[in-house]
Amino acid sequence: MGRFKAWRASLRRRPSTNRMYRLGVGFLGGLIVVVGLVLVPLPGPGWVIVFVGLAVLATEFTWAARLEQFARKQVSAWTKWVMAQPIYVRGLVAAGTAALVVGFFWIAFLIIGVPGWFPAEWIPGWTGLKSNG
């Protein structure tokens, strides 16, 4: 870690190099956040990726560090609240989340079509979905 701090300090002494470095960190962190946000409605680590992007941005930008801390507190409070609820409330939260994921996929498949590798005969007619294949 000491070598990194010394290297980073040497970059800070050169304004143009420092600006380019911050621009690179901003681009990379922003890209990671955007990819994470796109993945949020999908099953998987969407929010984790968003937090990784914020952590990258927080290495150079104080606003990102504040936003990351705020988001961590909100997620912690939400988790604590959900875990304090009766099982039926937790089940409703899980069902609502599942409904959002299914809705996201349904809308996406309405727009782009169901992937060709998915058997067309498995797609019920009432869904309005059509296969690409």
Protein backbone atom coordinates (compact mmCIF):
# COMPACT_ATOMS: atom_id res chain seq x y z
CA MET A 1 0.00 0.00 0.00
CA GLY A 2 2.91 2.35 0.67
CA ARG A 3 4.13 2.08 -2.91
CA PHE A 4 0.67 2.93 -4.24
CA LYS A 5 0.42 6.00 -2.02
CA ALA A 6 3.86 7.17 -3.12
CA TRP A 7 2.97 6.59 -6.78
CA ARG A 8 -0.35 8.40 -6.35
CA ALA A 9 1.38 11.32 -4.62
CA SER A 10 3.79 11.61 -7.55
CA LEU A 11 0.80 11.78 -9.92
CA ARG A 12 -0.82 14.52 -7.83
CA ARG A 13 2.26 16.70 -8.20
CA ARG A 14 1.76 16.80 -12.00
CA PRO A 15 -1.59 18.51 -12.75
CA SER A 16 -2.09 17.13 -16.25
CA THR A 17 -1.22 13.57 -15.23
CA ASN A 18 -3.41 13.89 -12.14
CA ARG A 19 -6.31 15.12 -14.29
CA MET A 20 -5.92 12.20 -16.71
CA TYR A 21 -5.73 9.71 -13.84
CA ARG A 22 -8.89 11.13 -12.24
CA LEU A 23 -10.62 11.08 -15.62
CA GLY A 24 -9.67 7.41 -16.04
CA VAL A 25 -10.86 6.53 -12.54
CA GLY A 26 -14.09 8.45 -13.15
CA PHE A 27 -14.70 6.68 -16.46
CA LEU A 28 -13.92 3.22 -15.09
CA GLY A 29 -15.94 3.72 -11.89
CA GLY A 30 -18.85 5.22 -13.82
CA LEU A 31 -18.82 2.32 -16.28
CA ILE A 32 -18.86 -0.21 -13.44
CA VAL A 33 -21.78 1.61 -11.77
CA VAL A 34 -23.76 1.72 -15.04
CA VAL A 35 -23.16 -2.00 -15.69
CA GLY A 36 -24.24 -2.75 -12.11
CA LEU A 37 -27.41 -0.68 -12.48
CA VAL A 38 -28.26 -2.48 -15.72
CA LEU A 39 -27.81 -5.80 -13.90
CA VAL A 40 -29.85 -4.82 -10.81
CA PRO A 41 -33.18 -6.23 -12.03
CA LEU A 42 -31.52 -9.46 -13.16
CA PRO A 43 -30.71 -12.31 -10.82
CA GLY A 44 -27.17 -11.88 -9.66
CA PRO A 45 -24.84 -9.38 -8.06
CA GLY A 46 -26.14 -6.13 -9.58
CA TRP A 47 -26.01 -4.11 -6.37
CA VAL A 48 -22.61 -5.55 -5.45
CA ILE A 49 -21.27 -4.32 -8.80
CA VAL A 50 -22.79 -0.87 -8.18
CA PHE A 51 -21.02 -0.72 -4.80
CA VAL A 52 -17.73 -1.81 -6.39
CA GLY A 53 -18.09 1.02 -8.91
CA LEU A 54 -18.80 3.49 -6.11
CA ALA A 55 -15.75 2.22 -4.24
CA VAL A 56 -13.60 2.83 -7.33
CA LEU A 57 -15.02 6.35 -7.66
CA ALA A 58 -14.56 6.96 -3.92
CA THR A 59 -10.80 6.52 -4.28
CA GLU A 60 -10.69 9.90 -6.05
CA PHE A 61 -13.96 11.73 -5.45
CA THR A 62 -15.29 12.77 -2.04
CA TRP A 63 -18.88 12.97 -3.32
CA ALA A 64 -18.63 9.27 -4.27
CA ALA A 65 -17.25 8.39 -0.84
CA ARG A 66 -20.19 10.19 0.81
CA LEU A 67 -22.67 8.51 -1.55
CA GLU A 68 -21.13 5.11 -0.86
CA GLN A 69 -21.41 5.61 2.91
CA PHE A 70 -25.00 6.81 2.57
CA ALA A 71 -25.92 3.82 0.39
CA ARG A 72 -24.27 1.37 2.81
CA LYS A 73 -26.27 2.84 5.70
CA GLN A 74 -29.52 2.62 3.72
CA VAL A 75 -28.89 -1.00 2.71
CA SER A 76 -28.01 -1.87 6.30
CA ALA A 77 -31.16 -0.17 7.61
CA TRP A 78 -33.32 -1.90 4.98
CA THR A 79 -31.80 -5.30 5.79
CA LYS A 80 -32.29 -4.74 9.52
CA TRP A 81 -35.92 -3.66 8.94
CA VAL A 82 -36.74 -6.63 6.70
CA MET A 83 -35.19 -9.13 9.12
CA ALA A 84 -37.23 -7.64 12.00
CA GLN A 85 -40.51 -8.23 10.13
CA PRO A 86 -42.72 -11.30 10.46
CA ILE A 87 -42.13 -14.10 7.98
CA TYR A 88 -45.19 -13.19 5.89
CA VAL A 89 -43.82 -9.65 5.31
CA ARG A 90 -40.47 -11.10 4.27
CA GLY A 91 -42.35 -13.43 1.94
CA LEU A 92 -44.24 -10.49 0.44
CA VAL A 93 -40.97 -8.61 -0.09
CA ALA A 94 -39.49 -11.69 -1.78
CA ALA A 95 -42.62 -12.14 -3.92
CA GLY A 96 -42.55 -8.47 -4.91
CA THR A 97 -38.89 -8.74 -5.88
CA ALA A 98 -39.59 -11.87 -7.91
CA ALA A 99 -42.52 -10.11 -9.63
CA LEU A 100 -40.22 -7.21 -10.58
CA VAL A 101 -37.64 -9.61 -12.04
CA VAL A 102 -40.29 -11.54 -14.00
CA GLY A 103 -41.81 -8.27 -15.21
CA PHE A 104 -38.41 -7.02 -16.34
CA PHE A 105 -37.75 -10.18 -18.35
CA TRP A 106 -41.26 -10.17 -19.82
CA ILE A 107 -40.90 -6.57 -21.03
CA ALA A 108 -37.38 -7.24 -22.33
CA PHE A 109 -38.56 -10.33 -24.23
CA LEU A 110 -41.54 -8.40 -25.61
CA ILE A 111 -39.11 -5.87 -27.06
CA ILE A 112 -36.26 -8.10 -28.26
CA GLY A 113 -38.00 -11.48 -28.52
CA VAL A 114 -37.32 -14.71 -26.66
CA PRO A 115 -33.83 -16.09 -27.43
CA GLY A 116 -33.78 -18.67 -30.22
CA TRP A 117 -32.28 -21.37 -28.00
CA PHE A 118 -35.45 -21.38 -25.87
CA PRO A 119 -38.00 -23.91 -27.27
CA ALA A 120 -40.85 -21.97 -28.93
CA GLU A 121 -43.43 -24.57 -27.88
CA TRP A 122 -42.72 -23.74 -24.22
CA ILE A 123 -43.90 -20.14 -24.69
CA PRO A 124 -47.59 -19.82 -23.72
CA GLY A 125 -49.67 -17.85 -26.22
CA TRP A 126 -51.25 -15.61 -23.57
CA THR A 127 -47.86 -14.01 -22.79
CA GLY A 128 -47.63 -12.24 -26.15
CA LEU A 129 -44.00 -13.35 -26.46
CA LYS A 130 -42.49 -14.54 -29.74
CA SER A 131 -39.32 -16.53 -30.33
CA ASN A 132 -36.36 -15.11 -32.27
CA GLY A 133 -35.47 -18.55 -33.60
